[in-house]
N, C-alpha and C. Protein backbone atom coordinates (compact mmCIF):
# COMPACT_ATOMS: atom_id res chain seq x y z
N MET A 1 -169.80 157.55 76.65
CA MET A 1 -170.58 157.56 77.89
C MET A 1 -170.07 156.48 78.84
N ILE A 2 -170.03 156.78 80.12
CA ILE A 2 -169.52 155.84 81.10
C ILE A 2 -170.65 154.97 81.60
N SER A 3 -170.40 153.69 81.71
CA SER A 3 -171.42 152.77 82.19
C SER A 3 -171.72 153.01 83.65
N GLY A 4 -173.03 153.20 83.97
CA GLY A 4 -173.41 153.38 85.36
C GLY A 4 -173.15 152.15 86.17
N ASN A 5 -173.36 150.97 85.57
CA ASN A 5 -173.13 149.72 86.30
C ASN A 5 -171.67 149.55 86.66
N ALA A 6 -170.78 150.03 85.79
CA ALA A 6 -169.35 149.91 86.08
C ALA A 6 -168.99 150.71 87.31
N TYR A 7 -169.52 151.94 87.40
CA TYR A 7 -169.18 152.74 88.57
C TYR A 7 -169.89 152.25 89.81
N LEU A 8 -171.11 151.72 89.65
CA LEU A 8 -171.84 151.22 90.81
C LEU A 8 -171.12 150.03 91.41
N ASN A 9 -170.45 149.23 90.55
CA ASN A 9 -169.71 148.07 91.04
C ASN A 9 -168.31 148.42 91.47
N GLY A 10 -167.95 149.70 91.40
CA GLY A 10 -166.66 150.13 91.90
C GLY A 10 -165.53 149.98 90.92
N THR A 11 -165.83 149.80 89.61
CA THR A 11 -164.77 149.65 88.64
C THR A 11 -164.54 150.97 87.93
N SER A 12 -163.34 151.15 87.40
CA SER A 12 -162.98 152.38 86.72
C SER A 12 -161.93 152.09 85.68
N HIS A 13 -161.90 152.92 84.63
CA HIS A 13 -160.91 152.74 83.58
C HIS A 13 -159.59 153.40 83.94
N ALA A 14 -159.59 154.22 84.99
CA ALA A 14 -158.37 154.93 85.36
C ALA A 14 -157.35 153.95 85.94
N SER A 15 -156.11 154.21 85.68
CA SER A 15 -155.04 153.38 86.22
C SER A 15 -153.92 154.27 86.67
N ARG A 16 -153.05 153.77 87.54
CA ARG A 16 -151.92 154.53 88.02
C ARG A 16 -150.83 153.58 88.43
N SER A 17 -149.62 154.08 88.51
CA SER A 17 -148.48 153.24 88.86
C SER A 17 -148.48 152.93 90.33
N LYS A 18 -147.76 151.85 90.68
CA LYS A 18 -147.67 151.47 92.08
C LYS A 18 -147.00 152.58 92.90
N GLY A 19 -146.04 153.27 92.28
CA GLY A 19 -145.37 154.34 93.01
C GLY A 19 -146.31 155.46 93.36
N ASN A 20 -147.14 155.87 92.39
CA ASN A 20 -148.11 156.93 92.66
C ASN A 20 -149.11 156.49 93.72
N LEU A 21 -149.55 155.22 93.64
CA LEU A 21 -150.51 154.71 94.62
C LEU A 21 -149.91 154.74 96.01
N ALA A 22 -148.68 154.32 96.13
CA ALA A 22 -148.03 154.29 97.44
C ALA A 22 -147.90 155.68 98.01
N SER A 23 -147.48 156.65 97.18
CA SER A 23 -147.30 158.01 97.68
C SER A 23 -148.61 158.62 98.11
N GLU A 24 -149.71 158.31 97.36
CA GLU A 24 -151.01 158.85 97.74
C GLU A 24 -151.48 158.26 99.05
N GLN A 25 -151.28 156.96 99.23
CA GLN A 25 -151.72 156.31 100.46
C GLN A 25 -150.92 156.83 101.66
N LEU A 26 -149.67 157.24 101.43
CA LEU A 26 -148.86 157.76 102.52
C LEU A 26 -149.22 159.21 102.86
N GLY A 27 -150.00 159.86 101.99
CA GLY A 27 -150.41 161.22 102.28
C GLY A 27 -149.28 162.21 102.12
N VAL A 28 -148.44 162.05 101.10
CA VAL A 28 -147.32 162.95 100.88
C VAL A 28 -147.83 164.33 100.52
N LYS A 29 -147.24 165.36 101.11
CA LYS A 29 -147.65 166.73 100.84
C LYS A 29 -146.72 167.38 99.83
N PRO A 30 -147.21 167.76 98.66
CA PRO A 30 -146.41 168.48 97.70
C PRO A 30 -146.35 169.95 98.05
N GLU A 31 -145.73 170.77 97.17
CA GLU A 31 -145.69 172.21 97.42
C GLU A 31 -147.11 172.75 97.42
N GLY A 32 -147.38 173.70 98.31
CA GLY A 32 -148.72 174.25 98.43
C GLY A 32 -149.48 173.66 99.60
N GLY A 33 -148.96 172.60 100.22
CA GLY A 33 -149.56 172.07 101.43
C GLY A 33 -150.75 171.16 101.24
N ARG A 34 -151.06 170.76 100.01
CA ARG A 34 -152.18 169.86 99.78
C ARG A 34 -151.77 168.42 100.06
N VAL A 35 -152.62 167.70 100.73
CA VAL A 35 -152.33 166.30 101.03
C VAL A 35 -152.56 165.46 99.78
N ARG A 36 -151.56 164.72 99.39
CA ARG A 36 -151.69 163.86 98.22
C ARG A 36 -152.28 162.51 98.65
N ASN A 37 -153.56 162.53 98.88
CA ASN A 37 -154.27 161.34 99.31
C ASN A 37 -155.47 161.17 98.40
N ARG A 38 -155.45 160.14 97.58
CA ARG A 38 -156.50 159.98 96.57
C ARG A 38 -157.88 159.86 97.19
N ALA A 39 -158.00 159.07 98.24
CA ALA A 39 -159.31 158.87 98.85
C ALA A 39 -159.89 160.18 99.35
N ALA A 40 -159.03 161.01 99.98
CA ALA A 40 -159.50 162.29 100.51
C ALA A 40 -159.91 163.22 99.38
N ARG A 41 -159.15 163.22 98.30
CA ARG A 41 -159.46 164.11 97.18
C ARG A 41 -160.72 163.65 96.44
N GLU A 42 -160.88 162.34 96.30
CA GLU A 42 -162.11 161.84 95.68
C GLU A 42 -163.32 162.25 96.51
N HIS A 43 -163.20 162.09 97.82
CA HIS A 43 -164.30 162.47 98.72
C HIS A 43 -164.61 163.95 98.58
N ALA A 44 -163.58 164.79 98.53
CA ALA A 44 -163.79 166.24 98.41
C ALA A 44 -164.47 166.59 97.10
N LEU A 45 -164.08 165.94 96.02
CA LEU A 45 -164.68 166.21 94.72
C LEU A 45 -166.14 165.75 94.67
N ILE A 46 -166.41 164.58 95.23
CA ILE A 46 -167.78 164.07 95.25
C ILE A 46 -168.68 164.99 96.08
N ALA A 47 -168.19 165.41 97.24
CA ALA A 47 -168.98 166.30 98.11
C ALA A 47 -169.23 167.65 97.43
N ALA A 48 -168.21 168.19 96.79
CA ALA A 48 -168.35 169.49 96.11
C ALA A 48 -169.33 169.37 94.94
N ALA A 49 -169.20 168.31 94.16
CA ALA A 49 -170.10 168.11 93.02
C ALA A 49 -171.54 167.95 93.48
N ARG A 50 -171.73 167.23 94.55
CA ARG A 50 -173.08 167.01 95.05
C ARG A 50 -173.73 168.33 95.45
N ARG A 51 -172.97 169.20 96.12
CA ARG A 51 -173.50 170.51 96.52
C ARG A 51 -173.83 171.36 95.30
N LEU A 52 -172.92 171.43 94.36
CA LEU A 52 -173.11 172.29 93.20
C LEU A 52 -174.19 171.77 92.26
N PHE A 53 -174.23 170.46 92.06
CA PHE A 53 -175.28 169.90 91.21
C PHE A 53 -176.66 170.19 91.79
N ALA A 54 -176.78 170.07 93.10
CA ALA A 54 -178.08 170.30 93.75
C ALA A 54 -178.47 171.77 93.71
N ASN A 55 -177.49 172.66 93.88
CA ASN A 55 -177.79 174.10 93.95
C ASN A 55 -177.91 174.76 92.58
N ARG A 56 -177.09 174.32 91.62
CA ARG A 56 -177.04 174.99 90.33
C ARG A 56 -177.55 174.14 89.18
N GLY A 57 -177.65 172.84 89.41
CA GLY A 57 -178.05 171.94 88.34
C GLY A 57 -176.83 171.28 87.70
N TYR A 58 -177.04 170.10 87.16
CA TYR A 58 -175.94 169.33 86.59
C TYR A 58 -175.35 170.02 85.36
N GLU A 59 -176.20 170.44 84.44
CA GLU A 59 -175.72 171.01 83.19
C GLU A 59 -175.00 172.33 83.41
N ALA A 60 -175.47 173.14 84.35
CA ALA A 60 -174.89 174.47 84.55
C ALA A 60 -173.56 174.45 85.31
N THR A 61 -173.27 173.37 85.98
CA THR A 61 -172.05 173.27 86.78
C THR A 61 -170.88 172.80 85.92
N THR A 62 -169.75 173.48 86.02
CA THR A 62 -168.57 173.10 85.26
C THR A 62 -167.59 172.33 86.14
N THR A 63 -166.72 171.57 85.49
CA THR A 63 -165.70 170.83 86.25
C THR A 63 -164.73 171.79 86.93
N ARG A 64 -164.50 172.95 86.32
CA ARG A 64 -163.63 173.95 86.96
C ARG A 64 -164.21 174.42 88.28
N GLU A 65 -165.52 174.64 88.30
CA GLU A 65 -166.18 175.08 89.53
C GLU A 65 -166.14 174.00 90.60
N ILE A 66 -166.33 172.76 90.18
CA ILE A 66 -166.28 171.64 91.14
C ILE A 66 -164.89 171.54 91.76
N ALA A 67 -163.87 171.63 90.92
CA ALA A 67 -162.49 171.54 91.42
C ALA A 67 -162.18 172.67 92.38
N ALA A 68 -162.63 173.89 92.05
CA ALA A 68 -162.38 175.03 92.93
C ALA A 68 -163.08 174.85 94.27
N GLU A 69 -164.31 174.37 94.22
CA GLU A 69 -165.08 174.14 95.46
C GLU A 69 -164.41 173.09 96.34
N ALA A 70 -163.80 172.08 95.69
CA ALA A 70 -163.17 170.99 96.43
C ALA A 70 -161.73 171.30 96.82
N GLY A 71 -161.14 172.36 96.23
CA GLY A 71 -159.76 172.68 96.50
C GLY A 71 -158.79 171.71 95.85
N CYS A 72 -159.19 171.21 94.67
CA CYS A 72 -158.37 170.23 93.95
C CYS A 72 -158.12 170.73 92.52
N ALA A 73 -157.18 170.09 91.86
CA ALA A 73 -156.91 170.40 90.46
C ALA A 73 -158.03 169.84 89.59
N GLU A 74 -158.42 170.60 88.56
CA GLU A 74 -159.51 170.19 87.68
C GLU A 74 -159.20 168.87 86.98
N GLY A 75 -157.93 168.64 86.67
CA GLY A 75 -157.56 167.43 85.97
C GLY A 75 -157.85 166.16 86.74
N LEU A 76 -157.98 166.26 88.06
CA LEU A 76 -158.26 165.07 88.86
C LEU A 76 -159.66 164.52 88.59
N ILE A 77 -160.58 165.39 88.19
CA ILE A 77 -161.93 164.92 87.87
C ILE A 77 -161.88 163.95 86.70
N HIS A 78 -161.08 164.27 85.70
CA HIS A 78 -160.95 163.40 84.54
C HIS A 78 -160.10 162.17 84.88
N ARG A 79 -159.13 162.36 85.74
CA ARG A 79 -158.27 161.24 86.12
C ARG A 79 -159.00 160.21 86.96
N TYR A 80 -159.78 160.69 87.93
CA TYR A 80 -160.45 159.78 88.85
C TYR A 80 -161.80 159.30 88.33
N PHE A 81 -162.54 160.18 87.62
CA PHE A 81 -163.93 159.88 87.27
C PHE A 81 -164.22 159.92 85.77
N GLN A 82 -163.22 160.22 84.96
CA GLN A 82 -163.38 160.34 83.52
C GLN A 82 -164.38 161.41 83.10
N GLY A 83 -164.49 162.45 83.90
CA GLY A 83 -165.34 163.57 83.54
C GLY A 83 -166.51 163.77 84.48
N LYS A 84 -167.34 164.74 84.13
CA LYS A 84 -168.45 165.14 85.00
C LYS A 84 -169.50 164.04 85.14
N GLU A 85 -169.77 163.33 84.06
CA GLU A 85 -170.77 162.26 84.13
C GLU A 85 -170.31 161.15 85.06
N GLY A 86 -169.05 160.81 84.97
CA GLY A 86 -168.51 159.79 85.88
C GLY A 86 -168.57 160.24 87.33
N LEU A 87 -168.41 161.53 87.55
CA LEU A 87 -168.51 162.07 88.91
C LEU A 87 -169.93 161.96 89.43
N LEU A 88 -170.90 162.20 88.57
CA LEU A 88 -172.30 162.04 88.97
C LEU A 88 -172.59 160.60 89.36
N LEU A 89 -172.06 159.66 88.59
CA LEU A 89 -172.25 158.25 88.91
C LEU A 89 -171.57 157.88 90.22
N ALA A 90 -170.43 158.52 90.49
CA ALA A 90 -169.73 158.26 91.75
C ALA A 90 -170.54 158.76 92.94
N ILE A 91 -171.27 159.86 92.76
CA ILE A 91 -172.14 160.37 93.82
C ILE A 91 -173.21 159.32 94.13
N ALA A 92 -173.81 158.78 93.09
CA ALA A 92 -174.83 157.75 93.28
C ALA A 92 -174.24 156.52 93.94
N ARG A 93 -173.05 156.15 93.51
CA ARG A 93 -172.39 154.97 94.08
C ARG A 93 -172.08 155.17 95.56
N SER A 94 -171.63 156.37 95.93
CA SER A 94 -171.29 156.62 97.33
C SER A 94 -172.52 156.54 98.21
N CYS A 95 -173.66 156.97 97.67
CA CYS A 95 -174.91 156.89 98.43
C CYS A 95 -175.33 155.43 98.58
N ASN A 96 -175.24 154.68 97.49
CA ASN A 96 -175.65 153.28 97.52
C ASN A 96 -174.78 152.43 98.43
N SER A 97 -173.48 152.80 98.56
CA SER A 97 -172.55 151.98 99.33
C SER A 97 -172.67 152.21 100.84
N ARG A 98 -173.31 153.33 101.23
CA ARG A 98 -173.47 153.57 102.66
C ARG A 98 -174.46 152.57 103.24
N GLU A 99 -174.16 152.05 104.43
CA GLU A 99 -175.04 151.07 105.06
C GLU A 99 -176.33 151.74 105.51
N SER A 100 -177.41 151.08 105.25
CA SER A 100 -178.70 151.59 105.72
C SER A 100 -178.76 151.54 107.24
N LEU A 101 -179.41 152.52 107.79
CA LEU A 101 -179.56 152.55 109.24
C LEU A 101 -180.30 151.31 109.71
N ASP A 102 -179.81 150.69 110.77
CA ASP A 102 -180.43 149.49 111.31
C ASP A 102 -181.81 149.82 111.83
N MET A 103 -182.83 149.32 111.16
CA MET A 103 -184.19 149.64 111.56
C MET A 103 -184.53 149.09 112.93
N ASN A 104 -183.90 147.99 113.29
CA ASN A 104 -184.20 147.42 114.60
C ASN A 104 -183.76 148.33 115.74
N LYS A 105 -182.78 149.20 115.46
CA LYS A 105 -182.33 150.17 116.46
C LYS A 105 -183.13 151.46 116.34
N ALA A 106 -183.46 151.82 115.12
CA ALA A 106 -184.16 153.09 114.90
C ALA A 106 -185.64 153.00 115.24
N LEU A 107 -186.24 151.80 115.02
CA LEU A 107 -187.67 151.64 115.23
C LEU A 107 -187.95 150.56 116.26
N PRO A 108 -188.68 150.86 117.31
CA PRO A 108 -189.06 149.82 118.28
C PRO A 108 -190.03 148.84 117.65
N ARG A 109 -189.99 147.61 118.13
CA ARG A 109 -190.90 146.60 117.59
C ARG A 109 -192.33 146.88 118.05
N PRO A 110 -193.27 146.98 117.11
CA PRO A 110 -194.66 147.27 117.48
C PRO A 110 -195.42 146.02 117.87
N ALA A 111 -196.59 146.23 118.45
CA ALA A 111 -197.43 145.10 118.84
C ALA A 111 -198.35 144.67 117.71
N TRP A 112 -198.62 145.58 116.78
CA TRP A 112 -199.59 145.30 115.72
C TRP A 112 -198.96 145.55 114.35
N LEU A 113 -199.42 144.80 113.36
CA LEU A 113 -198.92 144.93 112.00
C LEU A 113 -199.19 146.33 111.45
N SER A 114 -200.35 146.89 111.77
CA SER A 114 -200.67 148.24 111.28
C SER A 114 -199.65 149.26 111.79
N GLN A 115 -199.20 149.09 113.05
CA GLN A 115 -198.19 150.00 113.59
C GLN A 115 -196.86 149.84 112.86
N GLU A 116 -196.51 148.60 112.54
CA GLU A 116 -195.27 148.35 111.82
C GLU A 116 -195.29 148.99 110.43
N ILE A 117 -196.40 148.81 109.72
CA ILE A 117 -196.52 149.40 108.39
C ILE A 117 -196.41 150.92 108.47
N THR A 118 -197.07 151.51 109.47
CA THR A 118 -197.00 152.97 109.65
C THR A 118 -195.57 153.43 109.89
N ARG A 119 -194.87 152.75 110.79
CA ARG A 119 -193.51 153.16 111.12
C ARG A 119 -192.56 152.98 109.95
N LEU A 120 -192.73 151.90 109.21
CA LEU A 120 -191.89 151.67 108.05
C LEU A 120 -192.12 152.72 106.96
N LEU A 121 -193.38 153.09 106.76
CA LEU A 121 -193.69 154.13 105.79
C LEU A 121 -193.08 155.47 106.21
N GLU A 122 -193.23 155.81 107.48
CA GLU A 122 -192.68 157.06 107.98
C GLU A 122 -191.16 157.07 107.89
N TYR A 123 -190.55 155.93 108.15
CA TYR A 123 -189.11 155.79 108.06
C TYR A 123 -188.64 156.05 106.62
N GLU A 124 -189.32 155.43 105.66
CA GLU A 124 -188.95 155.59 104.26
C GLU A 124 -189.18 157.03 103.78
N ILE A 125 -190.25 157.64 104.23
CA ILE A 125 -190.52 159.03 103.86
C ILE A 125 -189.39 159.94 104.33
N GLU A 126 -188.93 159.76 105.56
CA GLU A 126 -187.86 160.59 106.09
C GLU A 126 -186.53 160.30 105.39
N ARG A 127 -186.26 159.03 105.12
CA ARG A 127 -185.01 158.67 104.45
C ARG A 127 -184.92 159.31 103.07
N VAL A 128 -186.00 159.20 102.31
CA VAL A 128 -186.01 159.77 100.96
C VAL A 128 -185.92 161.29 101.01
N TRP A 129 -186.61 161.90 101.97
CA TRP A 129 -186.55 163.36 102.11
C TRP A 129 -185.13 163.84 102.39
N GLU A 130 -184.40 163.11 103.19
CA GLU A 130 -183.04 163.49 103.50
C GLU A 130 -182.12 163.40 102.28
N GLU A 131 -182.48 162.58 101.31
CA GLU A 131 -181.68 162.43 100.09
C GLU A 131 -182.28 163.22 98.92
N ARG A 132 -183.18 164.16 99.21
CA ARG A 132 -183.92 164.84 98.14
C ARG A 132 -183.03 165.58 97.15
N GLU A 133 -181.91 166.19 97.63
CA GLU A 133 -181.07 166.94 96.71
C GLU A 133 -180.39 166.03 95.70
N LEU A 134 -180.03 164.83 96.13
CA LEU A 134 -179.43 163.87 95.20
C LEU A 134 -180.45 163.45 94.15
N PHE A 135 -181.68 163.22 94.57
CA PHE A 135 -182.71 162.81 93.62
C PHE A 135 -183.03 163.92 92.63
N ARG A 136 -182.90 165.17 93.05
CA ARG A 136 -183.10 166.29 92.13
C ARG A 136 -182.15 166.18 90.93
N VAL A 137 -180.95 165.72 91.22
CA VAL A 137 -179.93 165.61 90.18
C VAL A 137 -180.12 164.35 89.34
N LEU A 138 -180.41 163.24 90.00
CA LEU A 138 -180.43 161.94 89.31
C LEU A 138 -181.65 161.74 88.42
N ILE A 139 -182.80 162.21 88.84
CA ILE A 139 -184.03 161.93 88.10
C ILE A 139 -183.99 162.44 86.66
N PRO A 140 -183.57 163.70 86.41
CA PRO A 140 -183.50 164.13 85.00
C PRO A 140 -182.55 163.29 84.16
N ARG A 141 -181.43 162.86 84.76
CA ARG A 141 -180.48 162.03 84.03
C ARG A 141 -181.03 160.63 83.77
N ALA A 142 -181.80 160.12 84.74
CA ALA A 142 -182.36 158.77 84.60
C ALA A 142 -183.36 158.69 83.45
N LEU A 143 -183.97 159.80 83.09
CA LEU A 143 -184.90 159.80 81.97
C LEU A 143 -184.20 159.55 80.64
N LEU A 144 -182.87 159.81 80.61
CA LEU A 144 -182.11 159.68 79.37
C LEU A 144 -181.13 158.52 79.39
N ASP A 145 -180.86 157.98 80.57
CA ASP A 145 -179.81 156.96 80.73
C ASP A 145 -180.38 155.78 81.51
N SER A 146 -180.48 154.63 80.86
CA SER A 146 -181.06 153.46 81.53
C SER A 146 -180.20 152.99 82.69
N ASP A 147 -178.87 153.11 82.57
CA ASP A 147 -178.01 152.73 83.69
C ASP A 147 -178.31 153.59 84.91
N MET A 148 -178.51 154.89 84.68
CA MET A 148 -178.80 155.79 85.79
C MET A 148 -180.15 155.48 86.41
N SER A 149 -181.11 155.03 85.61
CA SER A 149 -182.43 154.70 86.16
C SER A 149 -182.35 153.50 87.09
N HIS A 150 -181.48 152.53 86.76
CA HIS A 150 -181.30 151.37 87.64
C HIS A 150 -180.66 151.81 88.96
N ILE A 151 -179.69 152.70 88.88
CA ILE A 151 -179.04 153.21 90.09
C ILE A 151 -180.05 153.98 90.94
N LEU A 152 -180.86 154.80 90.29
CA LEU A 152 -181.87 155.57 91.00
C LEU A 152 -182.81 154.66 91.78
N ASN A 153 -183.22 153.57 91.16
CA ASN A 153 -184.11 152.63 91.84
C ASN A 153 -183.43 151.98 93.04
N ARG A 154 -182.15 151.66 92.90
CA ARG A 154 -181.42 150.97 93.97
C ARG A 154 -181.18 151.86 95.17
N ILE A 155 -181.04 153.17 94.97
CA ILE A 155 -180.83 154.06 96.11
C ILE A 155 -182.13 154.76 96.52
N GLY A 156 -183.18 154.56 95.73
CA GLY A 156 -184.48 155.16 96.04
C GLY A 156 -185.43 154.14 96.63
N PRO A 157 -186.45 153.73 95.87
CA PRO A 157 -187.48 152.83 96.41
C PRO A 157 -186.97 151.47 96.88
N SER A 158 -185.90 150.96 96.27
CA SER A 158 -185.46 149.59 96.59
C SER A 158 -184.33 149.52 97.61
N ARG A 159 -183.88 150.65 98.11
CA ARG A 159 -182.69 150.64 98.96
C ARG A 159 -182.85 149.83 100.23
N CYS A 160 -184.00 149.91 100.86
CA CYS A 160 -184.21 149.25 102.15
C CYS A 160 -185.18 148.08 102.09
N THR A 161 -185.43 147.56 100.90
CA THR A 161 -186.45 146.52 100.78
C THR A 161 -186.11 145.28 101.60
N HIS A 162 -184.83 144.92 101.67
CA HIS A 162 -184.47 143.71 102.43
C HIS A 162 -184.77 143.88 103.92
N LEU A 163 -184.56 145.09 104.43
CA LEU A 163 -184.87 145.36 105.84
C LEU A 163 -186.37 145.40 106.08
N ILE A 164 -187.09 146.03 105.17
CA ILE A 164 -188.54 146.12 105.30
C ILE A 164 -189.16 144.73 105.24
N ARG A 165 -188.68 143.92 104.33
CA ARG A 165 -189.22 142.56 104.16
C ARG A 165 -189.09 141.75 105.44
N GLU A 166 -187.92 141.80 106.05
CA GLU A 166 -187.70 141.04 107.28
C GLU A 166 -188.54 141.57 108.43
N ARG A 167 -188.70 142.89 108.50
CA ARG A 167 -189.54 143.46 109.56
C ARG A 167 -190.99 143.03 109.40
N LEU A 168 -191.48 143.01 108.19
CA LEU A 168 -192.87 142.61 107.95
C LEU A 168 -193.09 141.14 108.30
N LYS A 169 -192.14 140.30 107.95
CA LYS A 169 -192.26 138.88 108.29
C LYS A 169 -192.36 138.69 109.80
N ALA A 170 -191.55 139.44 110.53
CA ALA A 170 -191.56 139.33 112.00
C ALA A 170 -192.83 139.90 112.60
N ALA A 171 -193.45 140.87 111.92
CA ALA A 171 -194.63 141.54 112.46
C ALA A 171 -195.93 140.79 112.18
N CYS A 172 -195.85 139.71 111.42
CA CYS A 172 -197.08 138.98 111.08
C CYS A 172 -197.70 138.30 112.30
N ASN A 173 -196.90 138.06 113.34
CA ASN A 173 -197.41 137.48 114.59
C ASN A 173 -198.16 136.16 114.35
N GLY A 174 -197.58 135.31 113.54
CA GLY A 174 -198.20 134.02 113.28
C GLY A 174 -199.26 134.03 112.21
N LYS A 175 -199.64 135.23 111.76
CA LYS A 175 -200.65 135.32 110.71
C LYS A 175 -200.06 134.79 109.40
N SER A 176 -200.79 133.97 108.72
CA SER A 176 -200.30 133.35 107.50
C SER A 176 -200.35 134.35 106.34
N MET A 177 -199.16 134.66 105.81
CA MET A 177 -199.05 135.54 104.65
C MET A 177 -198.10 134.90 103.65
N ALA A 178 -198.52 134.81 102.42
CA ALA A 178 -197.67 134.23 101.38
C ALA A 178 -196.48 135.15 101.12
N ASP A 179 -195.40 134.54 100.66
CA ASP A 179 -194.21 135.34 100.34
C ASP A 179 -194.53 136.41 99.31
N SER A 180 -195.40 136.08 98.37
CA SER A 180 -195.76 137.06 97.33
C SER A 180 -196.50 138.25 97.93
N GLU A 181 -197.29 138.01 98.98
CA GLU A 181 -198.01 139.10 99.63
C GLU A 181 -197.05 139.98 100.41
N ILE A 182 -196.11 139.37 101.09
CA ILE A 182 -195.11 140.15 101.83
C ILE A 182 -194.26 140.98 100.87
N GLU A 183 -193.91 140.38 99.74
CA GLU A 183 -193.11 141.08 98.74
C GLU A 183 -193.88 142.26 98.16
N ALA A 184 -195.15 142.06 97.90
CA ALA A 184 -195.98 143.15 97.36
C ALA A 184 -196.07 144.30 98.36
N LEU A 185 -196.26 143.97 99.63
CA LEU A 185 -196.34 144.99 100.67
C LEU A 185 -195.00 145.71 100.83
N THR A 186 -193.91 144.96 100.73
CA THR A 186 -192.58 145.54 100.82
C THR A 186 -192.36 146.58 99.72
N GLN A 187 -192.69 146.19 98.48
CA GLN A 187 -192.51 147.09 97.35
C GLN A 187 -193.43 148.31 97.46
N PHE A 188 -194.62 148.08 97.97
CA PHE A 188 -195.57 149.19 98.14
C PHE A 188 -195.00 150.23 99.11
N ILE A 189 -194.46 149.77 100.23
CA ILE A 189 -193.90 150.69 101.23
C ILE A 189 -192.74 151.48 100.64
N GLY A 190 -191.84 150.79 99.90
CA GLY A 190 -190.72 151.49 99.29
C GLY A 190 -191.16 152.53 98.28
N ASN A 191 -192.14 152.18 97.44
CA ASN A 191 -192.63 153.11 96.43
C ASN A 191 -193.40 154.27 97.04
N MET A 192 -194.23 153.98 98.05
CA MET A 192 -194.97 155.04 98.72
C MET A 192 -194.02 155.99 99.45
N GLY A 193 -192.97 155.43 100.04
CA GLY A 193 -191.99 156.28 100.71
C GLY A 193 -191.34 157.25 99.75
N PHE A 194 -191.04 156.77 98.54
CA PHE A 194 -190.41 157.64 97.54
C PHE A 194 -191.40 158.70 97.06
N MET A 195 -192.64 158.30 96.88
CA MET A 195 -193.63 159.26 96.41
C MET A 195 -193.91 160.34 97.46
N LEU A 196 -194.11 159.90 98.71
CA LEU A 196 -194.46 160.86 99.77
C LEU A 196 -193.24 161.59 100.33
N GLY A 197 -192.05 161.00 100.16
CA GLY A 197 -190.85 161.65 100.67
C GLY A 197 -190.20 162.58 99.68
N PHE A 198 -190.45 162.34 98.38
CA PHE A 198 -189.82 163.21 97.37
C PHE A 198 -190.82 163.80 96.37
N LEU A 199 -191.54 162.95 95.66
CA LEU A 199 -192.37 163.44 94.57
C LEU A 199 -193.43 164.44 95.02
N ARG A 200 -194.16 164.08 96.09
CA ARG A 200 -195.24 164.98 96.53
C ARG A 200 -194.71 166.29 97.13
N PRO A 201 -193.77 166.24 98.08
CA PRO A 201 -193.33 167.51 98.67
C PRO A 201 -192.38 168.32 97.78
N VAL A 202 -191.49 167.66 97.05
CA VAL A 202 -190.48 168.39 96.28
C VAL A 202 -190.99 168.79 94.91
N ILE A 203 -191.62 167.87 94.20
CA ILE A 203 -192.09 168.16 92.85
C ILE A 203 -193.45 168.87 92.85
N LEU A 204 -194.37 168.38 93.67
CA LEU A 204 -195.73 168.93 93.67
C LEU A 204 -195.96 169.99 94.73
N GLY A 205 -195.02 170.14 95.66
CA GLY A 205 -195.13 171.20 96.66
C GLY A 205 -196.10 170.92 97.79
N ASP A 206 -196.43 169.66 98.05
CA ASP A 206 -197.33 169.33 99.16
C ASP A 206 -196.64 169.55 100.50
N GLU A 207 -197.44 169.84 101.51
CA GLU A 207 -196.91 169.98 102.87
C GLU A 207 -196.48 168.60 103.38
N ARG A 208 -195.33 168.54 104.04
CA ARG A 208 -194.82 167.26 104.50
C ARG A 208 -195.69 166.65 105.59
N ILE A 209 -196.39 167.46 106.35
CA ILE A 209 -197.25 166.94 107.41
C ILE A 209 -198.38 166.10 106.81
N HIS A 210 -198.77 166.42 105.59
CA HIS A 210 -199.82 165.64 104.93
C HIS A 210 -199.32 164.25 104.59
N ALA A 211 -198.03 164.14 104.30
CA ALA A 211 -197.45 162.84 103.96
C ALA A 211 -197.53 161.90 105.15
N LYS A 212 -197.24 162.40 106.33
CA LYS A 212 -197.29 161.56 107.53
C LYS A 212 -198.72 161.11 107.82
N ALA A 213 -199.67 162.01 107.66
CA ALA A 213 -201.07 161.66 107.89
C ALA A 213 -201.54 160.62 106.87
N LEU A 214 -201.13 160.80 105.63
CA LEU A 214 -201.52 159.85 104.59
C LEU A 214 -200.90 158.48 104.83
N ALA A 215 -199.67 158.46 105.31
CA ALA A 215 -199.00 157.20 105.62
C ALA A 215 -199.75 156.44 106.71
N SER A 216 -200.18 157.15 107.75
CA SER A 216 -200.90 156.53 108.85
C SER A 216 -202.24 155.95 108.38
N THR A 217 -202.96 156.72 107.56
CA THR A 217 -204.26 156.26 107.06
C THR A 217 -204.10 155.07 106.13
N THR A 218 -203.09 155.12 105.26
CA THR A 218 -202.85 154.04 104.32
C THR A 218 -202.49 152.74 105.06
N ALA A 219 -201.66 152.88 106.09
CA ALA A 219 -201.25 151.71 106.87
C ALA A 219 -202.46 151.06 107.54
N ALA A 220 -203.36 151.87 108.07
CA ALA A 220 -204.56 151.32 108.72
C ALA A 220 -205.44 150.59 107.73
N LEU A 221 -205.57 151.15 106.53
CA LEU A 221 -206.38 150.51 105.49
C LEU A 221 -205.77 149.18 105.05
N LEU A 222 -204.45 149.17 104.89
CA LEU A 222 -203.78 147.93 104.48
C LEU A 222 -203.92 146.85 105.54
N ALA A 223 -203.67 147.22 106.79
CA ALA A 223 -203.73 146.24 107.87
C ALA A 223 -205.14 145.70 108.04
N ARG A 224 -206.14 146.49 107.74
CA ARG A 224 -207.53 146.04 107.90
C ARG A 224 -207.85 144.90 106.95
N GLY A 225 -207.19 144.90 105.80
CA GLY A 225 -207.47 143.87 104.80
C GLY A 225 -206.56 142.67 104.91
N LEU A 226 -205.62 142.67 105.84
CA LEU A 226 -204.67 141.56 105.98
C LEU A 226 -205.15 140.53 106.99
C-alpha cells in the first residue's frame, strides 16, 4: 500500500534517468504524435481517473480504462503513480495543492459578525459542493485507510480554516473573543460547510436551498450568543 502522506507531500518511489527527464521536459514527440511531456501526461491521467472514479466508482474502474480515457499508455499509471491507489492519492494531492480562492476578493467585508458567519458558511457550502465528486470517491477509501482520512480532512473541513480564522478575527469589531472561541467557531464553520455542502444534499438527498436557509439561521443564533 502506498503512503497517503508520501503522495500528499509530493514524494514518489518512481525514478528516471536525467536523459528521460530532459526529453520529457522538452516535449519530444515520438511516433504517433503524442507529446512526451510527463507533467501533461500526469495531468491527463489524473483528470481521466477523477472522471471515471466519480462516474463508475473506484473499484469498478480499471487502469486500462483510465489510460484509454487519458490517451496514454497503461504502463504510465504504474510508472508515475505505482498503480490505481497511488493515482487516487494523486487526485487528492492535486486538490489540496490548489490555492484556495481569496476570500477577501470573493466576499465583501460585512458590517456585523452575524453577516460574516453567514457568508463564510455559504462559501464553505458552495466550495464543498463543487468538490462533491471527489468526496464520493475519497470517503469510502478513508473508512479503510487512515492516511486517506487525514487527506480527506485537509481538503474537506480543514481546507480553508486559516482563511476563516483570520476573517473572524477581523469581524469581531473590537469585541473580546478568546483564541479558543475563535478556533471553535472556525472549526464549526468548516464542519458545517462539509455537512451542508456534501453530506446532507449528496448522501441524504436534501434540497440545497435548505442548506442556505439553515446556514443563515445558524449564523444568527451563533452571533446572538457572542
